[in-house]
Amino acid sequence: MKISVRVLVTVYLLVLVGLAAMLAGLISPALS
């Protein structure tokens, strides 16, 4: 069961984007 590097990178980027969106959602109300 070998996962290609491209899939790992894609998942990694999606996770980063998701975390960034969550952080932005938490921080934005506090700033405004």
PDB file of N, CA and C in Angstrom:
ATOM      1  N   MET A   1       0.851  -1.196   0.000  1.00  0.00           N
ATOM      2  CA  MET A   1       0.000   0.000   0.000  1.00  0.00           C
ATOM      3  C   MET A   1       0.883   1.240   0.000  1.00  0.00           C
ATOM      4  N   LYS A   2       1.266   1.683  -1.170  1.00  0.00           N
ATOM      5  CA  LYS A   2       2.162   2.838  -1.279  1.00  0.00           C
ATOM      6  C   LYS A   2       1.384   4.071  -1.731  1.00  0.00           C
ATOM      7  N   ILE A   3       1.502   5.119  -0.951  1.00  0.00           N
ATOM      8  CA  ILE A   3       0.822   6.368  -1.293  1.00  0.00           C
ATOM      9  C   ILE A   3       1.809   7.294  -1.995  1.00  0.00           C
ATOM     10  N   SER A   4       1.370   7.865  -3.102  1.00  0.00           N
ATOM     11  CA  SER A   4       2.276   8.726  -3.857  1.00  0.00           C
ATOM     12  C   SER A   4       2.537  10.028  -3.108  1.00  0.00           C
ATOM     13  N   VAL A   5       3.689  10.609  -3.383  1.00  0.00           N
ATOM     14  CA  VAL A   5       4.073  11.857  -2.717  1.00  0.00           C
ATOM     15  C   VAL A   5       3.085  12.965  -3.056  1.00  0.00           C
ATOM     16  N   ARG A   6       2.581  12.953  -4.283  1.00  0.00           N
ATOM     17  CA  ARG A   6       1.647  14.003  -4.709  1.00  0.00           C
ATOM     18  C   ARG A   6       0.399  14.000  -3.840  1.00  0.00           C
ATOM     19  N   VAL A   7      -0.100  12.795  -3.520  1.00  0.00           N
ATOM     20  CA  VAL A   7      -1.298  12.693  -2.682  1.00  0.00           C
ATOM     21  C   VAL A   7      -1.006  13.227  -1.284  1.00  0.00           C
ATOM     22  N   LEU A   8       0.152  12.869  -0.740  1.00  0.00           N
ATOM     23  CA  LEU A   8       0.519  13.346   0.597  1.00  0.00           C
ATOM     24  C   LEU A   8       0.618  14.863   0.625  1.00  0.00           C
ATOM     25  N   VAL A   9       1.247  15.438  -0.392  1.00  0.00           N
ATOM     26  CA  VAL A   9       1.393  16.895  -0.454  1.00  0.00           C
ATOM     27  C   VAL A   9       0.030  17.562  -0.575  1.00  0.00           C
ATOM     28  N   THR A  10      -0.854  16.989  -1.388  1.00  0.00           N
ATOM     29  CA  THR A  10      -2.191  17.559  -1.565  1.00  0.00           C
ATOM     30  C   THR A  10      -2.959  17.553  -0.255  1.00  0.00           C
ATOM     31  N   VAL A  11      -2.923  16.422   0.447  1.00  0.00           N
ATOM     32  CA  VAL A  11      -3.624  16.323   1.732  1.00  0.00           C
ATOM     33  C   VAL A  11      -3.027  17.311   2.728  1.00  0.00           C
ATOM     34  N   TYR A  12      -1.706  17.420   2.729  1.00  0.00           N
ATOM     35  CA  TYR A  12      -1.018  18.333   3.648  1.00  0.00           C
ATOM     36  C   TYR A  12      -1.451  19.773   3.405  1.00  0.00           C
ATOM     37  N   LEU A  13      -1.517  20.162   2.129  1.00  0.00           N
ATOM     38  CA  LEU A  13      -1.926  21.524   1.797  1.00  0.00           C
ATOM     39  C   LEU A  13      -3.379  21.763   2.187  1.00  0.00           C
ATOM     40  N   LEU A  14      -4.243  20.772   1.952  1.00  0.00           N
ATOM     41  CA  LEU A  14      -5.656  20.916   2.312  1.00  0.00           C
ATOM     42  C   LEU A  14      -5.805  21.102   3.816  1.00  0.00           C
ATOM     43  N   VAL A  15      -5.034  20.350   4.587  1.00  0.00           N
ATOM     44  CA  VAL A  15      -5.091  20.475   6.050  1.00  0.00           C
ATOM     45  C   VAL A  15      -4.622  21.865   6.476  1.00  0.00           C
ATOM     46  N   LEU A  16      -3.546  22.349   5.861  1.00  0.00           N
ATOM     47  CA  LEU A  16      -3.037  23.682   6.201  1.00  0.00           C
ATOM     48  C   LEU A  16      -4.077  24.750   5.886  1.00  0.00           C
ATOM     49  N   VAL A  17      -4.715  24.639   4.727  1.00  0.00           N
ATOM     50  CA  VAL A  17      -5.739  25.617   4.339  1.00  0.00           C
ATOM     51  C   VAL A  17      -6.915  25.561   5.311  1.00  0.00           C
ATOM     52  N   GLY A  18      -7.298  24.351   5.699  1.00  0.00           N
ATOM     53  CA  GLY A  18      -8.409  24.195   6.643  1.00  0.00           C
ATOM     54  C   GLY A  18      -8.087  24.831   7.984  1.00  0.00           C
ATOM     55  N   LEU A  19      -6.875  24.590   8.480  1.00  0.00           N
ATOM     56  CA  LEU A  19      -6.473  25.173   9.763  1.00  0.00           C
ATOM     57  C   LEU A  19      -6.402  26.695   9.660  1.00  0.00           C
ATOM     58  N   ALA A  20      -5.879  27.193   8.557  1.00  0.00           N
ATOM     59  CA  ALA A  20      -5.779  28.641   8.371  1.00  0.00           C
ATOM     60  C   ALA A  20      -7.173  29.267   8.337  1.00  0.00           C
ATOM     61  N   ALA A  21      -8.124  28.604   7.680  1.00  0.00           N
ATOM     62  CA  ALA A  21      -9.494  29.116   7.611  1.00  0.00           C
ATOM     63  C   ALA A  21     -10.126  29.128   9.000  1.00  0.00           C
ATOM     64  N   MET A  22      -9.881  28.070   9.784  1.00  0.00           N
ATOM     65  CA  MET A  22     -10.424  28.003  11.142  1.00  0.00           C
ATOM     66  C   MET A  22      -9.835  29.118  12.003  1.00  0.00           C
ATOM     67  N   LEU A  23      -8.519  29.314  11.916  1.00  0.00           N
ATOM     68  CA  LEU A  23      -7.863  30.362  12.698  1.00  0.00           C
ATOM     69  C   LEU A  23      -8.385  31.738  12.291  1.00  0.00           C
ATOM     70  N   ALA A  24      -8.556  31.958  11.007  1.00  0.00           N
ATOM     71  CA  ALA A  24      -9.067  33.241  10.523  1.00  0.00           C
ATOM     72  C   ALA A  24     -10.480  33.463  11.053  1.00  0.00           C
ATOM     73  N   GLY A  25     -11.286  32.400  11.086  1.00  0.00           N
ATOM     74  CA  GLY A  25     -12.655  32.506  11.590  1.00  0.00           C
ATOM     75  C   GLY A  25     -12.679  32.835  13.070  1.00  0.00           C
ATOM     76  N   LEU A  26     -11.677  32.338  13.808  1.00  0.00           N
ATOM     77  CA  LEU A  26     -11.633  32.599  15.254  1.00  0.00           C
ATOM     78  C   LEU A  26     -11.069  33.983  15.551  1.00  0.00           C
ATOM     79  N   ILE A  27     -10.105  34.420  14.742  1.00  0.00           N
ATOM     80  CA  ILE A  27      -9.417  35.686  15.008  1.00  0.00           C
ATOM     81  C   ILE A  27     -10.213  36.892  14.492  1.00  0.00           C
ATOM     82  N   SER A  28     -10.867  36.752  13.343  1.00  0.00           N
ATOM     83  CA  SER A  28     -11.575  37.881  12.735  1.00  0.00           C
ATOM     84  C   SER A  28     -12.601  38.529  13.671  1.00  0.00           C
ATOM     85  N   PRO A  29     -13.479  37.762  14.330  1.00  0.00           N
ATOM     86  CA  PRO A  29     -14.460  38.381  15.243  1.00  0.00           C
ATOM     87  C   PRO A  29     -13.783  39.135  16.381  1.00  0.00           C
ATOM     88  N   ALA A  30     -12.636  38.650  16.839  1.00  0.00           N
ATOM     89  CA  ALA A  30     -11.944  39.284  17.959  1.00  0.00           C
ATOM     90  C   ALA A  30     -11.344  40.628  17.537  1.00  0.00           C
ATOM     91  N   LEU A  31     -10.954  40.740  16.278  1.00  0.00           N
ATOM     92  CA  LEU A  31     -10.329  41.976  15.800  1.00  0.00           C
ATOM     93  C   LEU A  31     -11.368  43.048  15.507  1.00  0.00           C
ATOM     94  N   SER A  32     -12.512  42.645  15.008  1.00  0.00           N
ATOM     95  CA  SER A  32     -13.524  43.621  14.611  1.00  0.00           C
ATOM     96  C   SER A  32     -14.292  44.194  15.790  1.00  0.00           C
TER      97      SER A  32
END
